[in-house]
Amino acid sequence: MELFRQRLLESTTKQSDFIEIFSAIDRDHSGRITFEEFRQTIKSLKLGIQNDADIKRLFQQFDTTNNGQIDLDEFLKQLRPPMSERRQRAVLNLFNSIDVNKDDQLTVSDLKTKYAAQLKTNKKKSDQAVNQGLQNFLNKFDTRGKEDGIIDKDEFIGFCSMLSATIKDDIYFEHVLRTLFDIHL
Protein backbone atom coordinates (compact mmCIF):
# COMPACT_ATOMS: atom_id res chain seq x y z
CA MET A 1 0.00 0.00 0.00
CA GLU A 2 2.73 2.45 0.98
CA LEU A 3 4.65 2.00 -2.29
CA PHE A 4 1.44 2.58 -4.28
CA ARG A 5 0.62 5.68 -2.20
CA GLN A 6 4.13 7.09 -2.59
CA ARG A 7 4.15 6.51 -6.35
CA LEU A 8 0.86 8.40 -6.70
CA LEU A 9 1.89 11.16 -4.29
CA GLU A 10 4.97 11.83 -6.45
CA SER A 11 2.70 13.09 -9.21
CA THR A 12 0.03 14.87 -7.19
CA THR A 13 -0.23 18.14 -5.33
CA LYS A 14 -3.90 18.28 -4.39
CA GLN A 15 -6.94 16.09 -3.89
CA SER A 16 -8.30 16.91 -7.34
CA ASP A 17 -5.22 15.15 -8.77
CA PHE A 18 -6.30 11.98 -6.96
CA ILE A 19 -9.77 12.37 -8.44
CA GLU A 20 -8.24 12.56 -11.92
CA ILE A 21 -6.15 9.45 -11.17
CA PHE A 22 -9.29 7.66 -9.96
CA SER A 23 -11.05 8.59 -13.21
CA ALA A 24 -8.13 7.30 -15.26
CA ILE A 25 -8.13 3.95 -13.44
CA ASP A 26 -11.93 3.71 -13.77
CA ARG A 27 -11.70 2.89 -17.47
CA ASP A 28 -15.40 2.11 -17.91
CA HIS A 29 -16.37 5.40 -16.15
CA SER A 30 -18.76 3.59 -13.81
CA GLY A 31 -17.68 5.63 -10.78
CA ARG A 32 -16.12 2.52 -9.26
CA ILE A 33 -12.83 0.73 -9.84
CA THR A 34 -13.16 -2.99 -10.51
CA PHE A 35 -10.49 -5.50 -9.59
CA GLU A 36 -9.51 -5.88 -13.26
CA GLU A 37 -9.07 -2.10 -13.68
CA PHE A 38 -7.04 -2.00 -10.46
CA ARG A 39 -4.91 -5.00 -11.49
CA GLN A 40 -4.08 -3.47 -14.87
CA THR A 41 -3.07 -0.20 -13.16
CA ILE A 42 -0.85 -1.89 -10.58
CA LYS A 43 0.92 -3.88 -13.31
CA SER A 44 1.41 -0.78 -15.47
CA LEU A 45 2.92 1.15 -12.54
CA LYS A 46 5.61 -1.54 -12.22
CA LEU A 47 5.46 -1.62 -8.43
CA GLY A 48 7.00 -5.07 -8.32
CA ILE A 49 3.64 -6.64 -7.50
CA GLN A 50 2.95 -9.15 -10.26
CA ASN A 51 1.15 -11.86 -8.29
CA ASP A 52 -2.63 -11.53 -8.61
CA ALA A 53 -3.09 -12.69 -5.01
CA ASP A 54 -0.92 -9.80 -3.75
CA ILE A 55 -2.78 -7.35 -5.98
CA LYS A 56 -6.07 -8.72 -4.63
CA ARG A 57 -4.90 -8.12 -1.03
CA LEU A 58 -3.99 -4.53 -1.93
CA PHE A 59 -7.34 -4.10 -3.67
CA GLN A 60 -9.12 -5.33 -0.54
CA GLN A 61 -7.34 -2.68 1.55
CA PHE A 62 -9.06 -0.07 -0.61
CA ASP A 63 -12.42 -1.88 -0.79
CA THR A 64 -13.46 -1.15 2.79
CA THR A 65 -17.14 -1.87 2.06
CA ASN A 66 -16.21 -5.34 0.71
CA ASN A 67 -18.48 -4.96 -2.32
CA GLY A 68 -15.80 -5.93 -4.86
CA GLN A 69 -15.36 -2.35 -6.11
CA ILE A 70 -13.52 0.77 -4.98
CA ASP A 71 -15.53 3.98 -4.96
CA LEU A 72 -13.99 7.44 -4.89
CA ASP A 73 -14.35 7.86 -1.12
CA GLU A 74 -12.58 4.57 -0.45
CA PHE A 75 -9.82 5.50 -2.89
CA LEU A 76 -9.24 8.94 -1.38
CA LYS A 77 -9.32 7.67 2.21
CA GLN A 78 -6.51 5.23 1.52
CA LEU A 79 -4.34 7.71 -0.34
CA ARG A 80 -4.68 10.88 1.70
CA PRO A 81 -1.59 11.72 3.69
CA PRO A 82 -1.88 11.56 7.48
CA MET A 83 -2.61 14.77 9.37
CA SER A 84 0.15 16.34 11.42
CA GLU A 85 -0.18 16.23 15.22
CA ARG A 86 -1.04 19.93 15.21
CA ARG A 87 -3.92 19.36 12.80
CA GLN A 88 -5.13 16.32 14.73
CA ARG A 89 -5.24 18.41 17.92
CA ALA A 90 -7.12 21.19 16.14
CA VAL A 91 -9.68 18.73 14.75
CA LEU A 92 -10.19 17.01 18.12
CA ASN A 93 -10.50 20.35 19.91
CA LEU A 94 -13.11 21.42 17.37
CA PHE A 95 -15.05 18.16 17.69
CA ASN A 96 -14.99 18.33 21.50
CA SER A 97 -16.16 21.95 21.48
CA ILE A 98 -19.19 21.05 19.35
CA ASP A 99 -19.97 17.81 21.23
CA VAL A 100 -21.89 19.62 23.95
CA ASN A 101 -23.12 16.53 25.81
CA LYS A 102 -19.71 14.79 25.53
CA ASP A 103 -21.04 11.50 24.12
CA ASP A 104 -18.47 11.41 21.25
CA GLN A 105 -21.22 12.07 18.70
CA LEU A 106 -22.45 15.20 16.98
CA THR A 107 -26.20 15.54 16.65
CA VAL A 108 -28.69 18.24 15.75
CA SER A 109 -29.14 18.77 19.50
CA ASP A 110 -25.41 19.46 19.93
CA LEU A 111 -25.45 21.97 17.08
CA LYS A 112 -28.57 23.71 18.40
CA THR A 113 -26.99 24.07 21.82
CA LYS A 114 -23.57 25.13 20.52
CA TYR A 115 -24.94 27.68 18.06
CA ALA A 116 -28.04 28.76 19.99
CA ALA A 117 -27.16 32.46 19.90
CA GLN A 118 -26.67 32.42 16.14
CA LEU A 119 -29.87 30.45 15.58
CA LYS A 120 -31.94 32.87 17.69
CA THR A 121 -30.96 35.79 15.47
CA ASN A 122 -32.74 34.13 12.55
CA LYS A 123 -36.34 34.10 13.81
CA LYS A 124 -37.77 33.97 10.29
CA LYS A 125 -37.11 30.22 10.05
CA SER A 126 -39.31 27.64 11.74
CA ASP A 127 -37.85 25.08 14.14
CA GLN A 128 -38.47 22.43 11.49
CA ALA A 129 -36.50 24.42 8.90
CA VAL A 130 -33.65 24.98 11.37
CA ASN A 131 -33.58 21.28 12.27
CA GLN A 132 -33.56 20.31 8.59
CA GLY A 133 -30.74 22.76 7.86
CA LEU A 134 -28.66 21.40 10.73
CA GLN A 135 -29.38 17.83 9.65
CA ASN A 136 -28.29 18.66 6.10
CA PHE A 137 -25.07 20.09 7.55
CA LEU A 138 -24.42 16.89 9.54
CA ASN A 139 -25.16 14.75 6.49
CA LYS A 140 -22.08 16.23 4.79
CA PHE A 141 -19.93 14.39 7.34
CA ASP A 142 -21.81 11.09 7.40
CA THR A 143 -20.06 8.03 6.00
CA ARG A 144 -21.55 6.91 2.69
CA GLY A 145 -23.52 3.73 3.17
CA LYS A 146 -23.79 4.31 6.92
CA GLU A 147 -25.90 7.48 6.99
CA ASP A 148 -27.54 7.79 10.37
CA GLY A 149 -27.59 11.57 10.90
CA ILE A 150 -25.14 11.23 13.78
CA ILE A 151 -21.48 12.05 13.29
CA ASP A 152 -19.05 10.10 15.40
CA LYS A 153 -15.49 11.16 16.02
CA ASP A 154 -14.07 8.91 13.28
CA GLU A 155 -16.43 10.32 10.65
CA PHE A 156 -15.57 13.88 11.69
CA ILE A 157 -11.84 13.17 11.64
CA GLY A 158 -12.23 11.49 8.23
CA PHE A 159 -13.92 14.58 6.80
CA CYS A 160 -11.29 16.89 8.27
CA SER A 161 -8.53 14.61 7.03
CA MET A 162 -9.86 14.90 3.48
CA LEU A 163 -9.95 18.67 3.91
CA SER A 164 -6.44 18.58 5.35
CA ALA A 165 -5.13 16.79 2.27
CA THR A 166 -6.07 19.83 0.18
CA ILE A 167 -4.32 22.41 2.39
CA LYS A 168 -0.53 22.53 2.75
CA ASP A 169 -0.11 25.01 5.64
CA ASP A 170 -1.12 24.11 9.24
CA ILE A 171 -2.02 27.67 10.16
CA TYR A 172 -4.22 28.04 7.09
CA PHE A 173 -5.86 24.67 7.85
CA GLU A 174 -6.78 25.91 11.33
CA HIS A 175 -8.11 29.13 9.82
CA VAL A 176 -10.32 27.15 7.44
CA LEU A 177 -11.70 25.08 10.34
CA ARG A 178 -12.45 28.24 12.35
CA THR A 179 -14.14 29.80 9.34
CA LEU A 180 -16.20 26.70 8.57
CA PHE A 181 -17.41 26.41 12.14
CA ASP A 182 -17.17 30.06 13.17
CA ILE A 183 -15.37 29.27 16.41
CA HIS A 184 -11.88 29.65 17.82
CA LEU A 185 -9.94 26.47 18.51
C-alpha atoms as a PDB file:
ATOM      1  CA  MET A   1       0.000   0.000   0.000  1.00  0.00           C
ATOM      2  CA  GLU A   2       2.732   2.448   0.978  1.00  0.00           C
ATOM      3  CA  LEU A   3       4.648   1.998  -2.286  1.00  0.00           C
ATOM      4  CA  PHE A   4       1.439   2.575  -4.284  1.00  0.00           C
ATOM      5  CA  ARG A   5       0.620   5.683  -2.205  1.00  0.00           C
ATOM      6  CA  GLN A   6       4.128   7.090  -2.594  1.00  0.00           C
ATOM      7  CA  ARG A   7       4.148   6.513  -6.347  1.00  0.00           C
ATOM      8  CA  LEU A   8       0.857   8.397  -6.703  1.00  0.00           C
ATOM      9  CA  LEU A   9       1.893  11.161  -4.289  1.00  0.00           C
ATOM     10  CA  GLU A  10       4.970  11.831  -6.448  1.00  0.00           C
ATOM     11  CA  SER A  11       2.700  13.093  -9.209  1.00  0.00           C
ATOM     12  CA  THR A  12       0.027  14.872  -7.189  1.00  0.00           C
ATOM     13  CA  THR A  13      -0.228  18.143  -5.328  1.00  0.00           C
ATOM     14  CA  LYS A  14      -3.903  18.278  -4.388  1.00  0.00           C
ATOM     15  CA  GLN A  15      -6.943  16.087  -3.892  1.00  0.00           C
ATOM     16  CA  SER A  16      -8.298  16.913  -7.336  1.00  0.00           C
ATOM     17  CA  ASP A  17      -5.223  15.155  -8.768  1.00  0.00           C
ATOM     18  CA  PHE A  18      -6.297  11.983  -6.959  1.00  0.00           C
ATOM     19  CA  ILE A  19      -9.767  12.374  -8.444  1.00  0.00           C
ATOM     20  CA  GLU A  20      -8.236  12.557 -11.921  1.00  0.00           C
ATOM     21  CA  ILE A  21      -6.154   9.455 -11.173  1.00  0.00           C
ATOM     22  CA  PHE A  22      -9.288   7.658  -9.965  1.00  0.00           C
ATOM     23  CA  SER A  23     -11.046   8.595 -13.207  1.00  0.00           C
ATOM     24  CA  ALA A  24      -8.126   7.302 -15.264  1.00  0.00           C
ATOM     25  CA  ILE A  25      -8.134   3.951 -13.438  1.00  0.00           C
ATOM     26  CA  ASP A  26     -11.930   3.714 -13.771  1.00  0.00           C
ATOM     27  CA  ARG A  27     -11.699   2.890 -17.468  1.00  0.00           C
ATOM     28  CA  ASP A  28     -15.401   2.109 -17.908  1.00  0.00           C
ATOM     29  CA  HIS A  29     -16.366   5.396 -16.145  1.00  0.00           C
ATOM     30  CA  SER A  30     -18.759   3.593 -13.808  1.00  0.00           C
ATOM     31  CA  GLY A  31     -17.678   5.629 -10.781  1.00  0.00           C
ATOM     32  CA  ARG A  32     -16.115   2.516  -9.263  1.00  0.00           C
ATOM     33  CA  ILE A  33     -12.828   0.730  -9.840  1.00  0.00           C
ATOM     34  CA  THR A  34     -13.159  -2.985 -10.514  1.00  0.00           C
ATOM     35  CA  PHE A  35     -10.492  -5.497  -9.587  1.00  0.00           C
ATOM     36  CA  GLU A  36      -9.514  -5.883 -13.258  1.00  0.00           C
ATOM     37  CA  GLU A  37      -9.075  -2.103 -13.677  1.00  0.00           C
ATOM     38  CA  PHE A  38      -7.040  -1.996 -10.464  1.00  0.00           C
ATOM     39  CA  ARG A  39      -4.914  -5.000 -11.491  1.00  0.00           C
ATOM     40  CA  GLN A  40      -4.076  -3.468 -14.867  1.00  0.00           C
ATOM     41  CA  THR A  41      -3.069  -0.200 -13.165  1.00  0.00           C
ATOM     42  CA  ILE A  42      -0.848  -1.892 -10.582  1.00  0.00           C
ATOM     43  CA  LYS A  43       0.916  -3.881 -13.307  1.00  0.00           C
ATOM     44  CA  SER A  44       1.408  -0.782 -15.470  1.00  0.00           C
ATOM     45  CA  LEU A  45       2.924   1.153 -12.542  1.00  0.00           C
ATOM     46  CA  LYS A  46       5.613  -1.540 -12.218  1.00  0.00           C
ATOM     47  CA  LEU A  47       5.462  -1.615  -8.432  1.00  0.00           C
ATOM     48  CA  GLY A  48       6.996  -5.069  -8.324  1.00  0.00           C
ATOM     49  CA  ILE A  49       3.635  -6.641  -7.504  1.00  0.00           C
ATOM     50  CA  GLN A  50       2.947  -9.151 -10.262  1.00  0.00           C
ATOM     51  CA  ASN A  51       1.152 -11.859  -8.290  1.00  0.00           C
ATOM     52  CA  ASP A  52      -2.633 -11.527  -8.612  1.00  0.00           C
ATOM     53  CA  ALA A  53      -3.093 -12.693  -5.006  1.00  0.00           C
ATOM     54  CA  ASP A  54      -0.917  -9.798  -3.754  1.00  0.00           C
ATOM     55  CA  ILE A  55      -2.780  -7.352  -5.985  1.00  0.00           C
ATOM     56  CA  LYS A  56      -6.071  -8.721  -4.633  1.00  0.00           C
ATOM     57  CA  ARG A  57      -4.898  -8.117  -1.035  1.00  0.00           C
ATOM     58  CA  LEU A  58      -3.985  -4.528  -1.930  1.00  0.00           C
ATOM     59  CA  PHE A  59      -7.344  -4.102  -3.675  1.00  0.00           C
ATOM     60  CA  GLN A  60      -9.120  -5.327  -0.538  1.00  0.00           C
ATOM     61  CA  GLN A  61      -7.337  -2.676   1.552  1.00  0.00           C
ATOM     62  CA  PHE A  62      -9.065  -0.066  -0.608  1.00  0.00           C
ATOM     63  CA  ASP A  63     -12.418  -1.879  -0.791  1.00  0.00           C
ATOM     64  CA  THR A  64     -13.460  -1.152   2.788  1.00  0.00           C
ATOM     65  CA  THR A  65     -17.142  -1.874   2.058  1.00  0.00           C
ATOM     66  CA  ASN A  66     -16.212  -5.340   0.709  1.00  0.00           C
ATOM     67  CA  ASN A  67     -18.476  -4.956  -2.323  1.00  0.00           C
ATOM     68  CA  GLY A  68     -15.799  -5.927  -4.855  1.00  0.00           C
ATOM     69  CA  GLN A  69     -15.363  -2.352  -6.114  1.00  0.00           C
ATOM     70  CA  ILE A  70     -13.522   0.773  -4.976  1.00  0.00           C
ATOM     71  CA  ASP A  71     -15.526   3.978  -4.956  1.00  0.00           C
ATOM     72  CA  LEU A  72     -13.993   7.443  -4.893  1.00  0.00           C
ATOM     73  CA  ASP A  73     -14.349   7.863  -1.115  1.00  0.00           C
ATOM     74  CA  GLU A  74     -12.577   4.568  -0.448  1.00  0.00           C
ATOM     75  CA  PHE A  75      -9.825   5.500  -2.893  1.00  0.00           C
ATOM     76  CA  LEU A  76      -9.243   8.937  -1.380  1.00  0.00           C
ATOM     77  CA  LYS A  77      -9.316   7.671   2.212  1.00  0.00           C
ATOM     78  CA  GLN A  78      -6.515   5.227   1.515  1.00  0.00           C
ATOM     79  CA  LEU A  79      -4.336   7.712  -0.341  1.00  0.00           C
ATOM     80  CA  ARG A  80      -4.683  10.879   1.696  1.00  0.00           C
ATOM     81  CA  PRO A  81      -1.585  11.716   3.691  1.00  0.00           C
ATOM     82  CA  PRO A  82      -1.879  11.558   7.482  1.00  0.00           C
ATOM     83  CA  MET A  83      -2.613  14.770   9.366  1.00  0.00           C
ATOM     84  CA  SER A  84       0.151  16.339  11.425  1.00  0.00           C
ATOM     85  CA  GLU A  85      -0.177  16.228  15.219  1.00  0.00           C
ATOM     86  CA  ARG A  86      -1.041  19.928  15.213  1.00  0.00           C
ATOM     87  CA  ARG A  87      -3.918  19.356  12.798  1.00  0.00           C
ATOM     88  CA  GLN A  88      -5.129  16.316  14.728  1.00  0.00           C
ATOM     89  CA  ARG A  89      -5.240  18.406  17.916  1.00  0.00           C
ATOM     90  CA  ALA A  90      -7.119  21.194  16.141  1.00  0.00           C
ATOM     91  CA  VAL A  91      -9.681  18.733  14.750  1.00  0.00           C
ATOM     92  CA  LEU A  92     -10.194  17.013  18.116  1.00  0.00           C
ATOM     93  CA  ASN A  93     -10.502  20.353  19.905  1.00  0.00           C
ATOM     94  CA  LEU A  94     -13.110  21.417  17.373  1.00  0.00           C
ATOM     95  CA  PHE A  95     -15.051  18.159  17.693  1.00  0.00           C
ATOM     96  CA  ASN A  96     -14.989  18.334  21.496  1.00  0.00           C
ATOM     97  CA  SER A  97     -16.155  21.952  21.485  1.00  0.00           C
ATOM     98  CA  ILE A  98     -19.190  21.053  19.350  1.00  0.00           C
ATOM     99  CA  ASP A  99     -19.967  17.814  21.232  1.00  0.00           C
ATOM    100  CA  VAL A 100     -21.889  19.621  23.951  1.00  0.00           C
ATOM    101  CA  ASN A 101     -23.124  16.532  25.809  1.00  0.00           C
ATOM    102  CA  LYS A 102     -19.708  14.791  25.529  1.00  0.00           C
ATOM    103  CA  ASP A 103     -21.036  11.499  24.123  1.00  0.00           C
ATOM    104  CA  ASP A 104     -18.471  11.408  21.251  1.00  0.00           C
ATOM    105  CA  GLN A 105     -21.219  12.068  18.701  1.00  0.00           C
ATOM    106  CA  LEU A 106     -22.449  15.201  16.977  1.00  0.00           C
ATOM    107  CA  THR A 107     -26.197  15.538  16.646  1.00  0.00           C
ATOM    108  CA  VAL A 108     -28.694  18.242  15.751  1.00  0.00           C
ATOM    109  CA  SER A 109     -29.140  18.765  19.496  1.00  0.00           C
ATOM    110  CA  ASP A 110     -25.405  19.459  19.927  1.00  0.00           C
ATOM    111  CA  LEU A 111     -25.446  21.971  17.080  1.00  0.00           C
ATOM    112  CA  LYS A 112     -28.567  23.707  18.395  1.00  0.00           C
ATOM    113  CA  THR A 113     -26.985  24.069  21.823  1.00  0.00           C
ATOM    114  CA  LYS A 114     -23.573  25.130  20.523  1.00  0.00           C
ATOM    115  CA  TYR A 115     -24.943  27.681  18.063  1.00  0.00           C
ATOM    116  CA  ALA A 116     -28.039  28.761  19.988  1.00  0.00           C
ATOM    117  CA  ALA A 117     -27.163  32.465  19.896  1.00  0.00           C
ATOM    118  CA  GLN A 118     -26.668  32.422  16.140  1.00  0.00           C
ATOM    119  CA  LEU A 119     -29.866  30.452  15.577  1.00  0.00           C
ATOM    120  CA  LYS A 120     -31.938  32.870  17.691  1.00  0.00           C
ATOM    121  CA  THR A 121     -30.963  35.785  15.470  1.00  0.00           C
ATOM    122  CA  ASN A 122     -32.741  34.131  12.553  1.00  0.00           C
ATOM    123  CA  LYS A 123     -36.336  34.103  13.807  1.00  0.00           C
ATOM    124  CA  LYS A 124     -37.771  33.966  10.293  1.00  0.00           C
ATOM    125  CA  LYS A 125     -37.113  30.216  10.053  1.00  0.00           C
ATOM    126  CA  SER A 126     -39.311  27.640  11.743  1.00  0.00           C
ATOM    127  CA  ASP A 127     -37.850  25.075  14.143  1.00  0.00           C
ATOM    128  CA  GLN A 128     -38.471  22.432  11.492  1.00  0.00           C
ATOM    129  CA  ALA A 129     -36.503  24.425   8.898  1.00  0.00           C
ATOM    130  CA  VAL A 130     -33.649  24.976  11.367  1.00  0.00           C
ATOM    131  CA  ASN A 131     -33.577  21.280  12.272  1.00  0.00           C
ATOM    132  CA  GLN A 132     -33.561  20.307   8.593  1.00  0.00           C
ATOM    133  CA  GLY A 133     -30.745  22.757   7.857  1.00  0.00           C
ATOM    134  CA  LEU A 134     -28.661  21.397  10.731  1.00  0.00           C
ATOM    135  CA  GLN A 135     -29.382  17.832   9.652  1.00  0.00           C
ATOM    136  CA  ASN A 136     -28.287  18.663   6.104  1.00  0.00           C
ATOM    137  CA  PHE A 137     -25.070  20.092   7.552  1.00  0.00           C
ATOM    138  CA  LEU A 138     -24.423  16.890   9.538  1.00  0.00           C
ATOM    139  CA  ASN A 139     -25.159  14.754   6.491  1.00  0.00           C
ATOM    140  CA  LYS A 140     -22.075  16.233   4.788  1.00  0.00           C
ATOM    141  CA  PHE A 141     -19.926  14.394   7.341  1.00  0.00           C
ATOM    142  CA  ASP A 142     -21.811  11.089   7.402  1.00  0.00           C
ATOM    143  CA  THR A 143     -20.061   8.033   6.003  1.00  0.00           C
ATOM    144  CA  ARG A 144     -21.546   6.907   2.691  1.00  0.00           C
ATOM    145  CA  GLY A 145     -23.521   3.735   3.171  1.00  0.00           C
ATOM    146  CA  LYS A 146     -23.788   4.312   6.922  1.00  0.00           C
ATOM    147  CA  GLU A 147     -25.896   7.478   6.986  1.00  0.00           C
ATOM    148  CA  ASP A 148     -27.539   7.790  10.372  1.00  0.00           C
ATOM    149  CA  GLY A 149     -27.585  11.566  10.903  1.00  0.00           C
ATOM    150  CA  ILE A 150     -25.143  11.225  13.778  1.00  0.00           C
ATOM    151  CA  ILE A 151     -21.484  12.047  13.286  1.00  0.00           C
ATOM    152  CA  ASP A 152     -19.055  10.100  15.402  1.00  0.00           C
ATOM    153  CA  LYS A 153     -15.490  11.165  16.020  1.00  0.00           C
ATOM    154  CA  ASP A 154     -14.074   8.915  13.281  1.00  0.00           C
ATOM    155  CA  GLU A 155     -16.432  10.325  10.653  1.00  0.00           C
ATOM    156  CA  PHE A 156     -15.570  13.882  11.691  1.00  0.00           C
ATOM    157  CA  ILE A 157     -11.839  13.171  11.636  1.00  0.00           C
ATOM    158  CA  GLY A 158     -12.226  11.494   8.234  1.00  0.00           C
ATOM    159  CA  PHE A 159     -13.915  14.577   6.795  1.00  0.00           C
ATOM    160  CA  CYS A 160     -11.291  16.890   8.272  1.00  0.00           C
ATOM    161  CA  SER A 161      -8.532  14.606   7.030  1.00  0.00           C
ATOM    162  CA  MET A 162      -9.859  14.898   3.478  1.00  0.00           C
ATOM    163  CA  LEU A 163      -9.952  18.669   3.907  1.00  0.00           C
ATOM    164  CA  SER A 164      -6.438  18.579   5.351  1.00  0.00           C
ATOM    165  CA  ALA A 165      -5.127  16.787   2.272  1.00  0.00           C
ATOM    166  CA  THR A 166      -6.075  19.833   0.177  1.00  0.00           C
ATOM    167  CA  ILE A 167      -4.317  22.413   2.387  1.00  0.00           C
ATOM    168  CA  LYS A 168      -0.533  22.534   2.753  1.00  0.00           C
ATOM    169  CA  ASP A 169      -0.114  25.008   5.636  1.00  0.00           C
ATOM    170  CA  ASP A 170      -1.115  24.107   9.242  1.00  0.00           C
ATOM    171  CA  ILE A 171      -2.025  27.666  10.163  1.00  0.00           C
ATOM    172  CA  TYR A 172      -4.224  28.040   7.092  1.00  0.00           C
ATOM    173  CA  PHE A 173      -5.861  24.671   7.847  1.00  0.00           C
ATOM    174  CA  GLU A 174      -6.783  25.909  11.335  1.00  0.00           C
ATOM    175  CA  HIS A 175      -8.106  29.134   9.817  1.00  0.00           C
ATOM    176  CA  VAL A 176     -10.322  27.154   7.437  1.00  0.00           C
ATOM    177  CA  LEU A 177     -11.696  25.083  10.340  1.00  0.00           C
ATOM    178  CA  ARG A 178     -12.451  28.240  12.345  1.00  0.00           C
ATOM    179  CA  THR A 179     -14.143  29.798   9.343  1.00  0.00           C
ATOM    180  CA  LEU A 180     -16.197  26.705   8.573  1.00  0.00           C
ATOM    181  CA  PHE A 181     -17.412  26.407  12.144  1.00  0.00           C
ATOM    182  CA  ASP A 182     -17.175  30.065  13.166  1.00  0.00           C
ATOM    183  CA  ILE A 183     -15.367  29.270  16.411  1.00  0.00           C
ATOM    184  CA  HIS A 184     -11.885  29.647  17.818  1.00  0.00           C
ATOM    185  CA  LEU A 185      -9.938  26.471  18.513  1.00  0.00           C
END
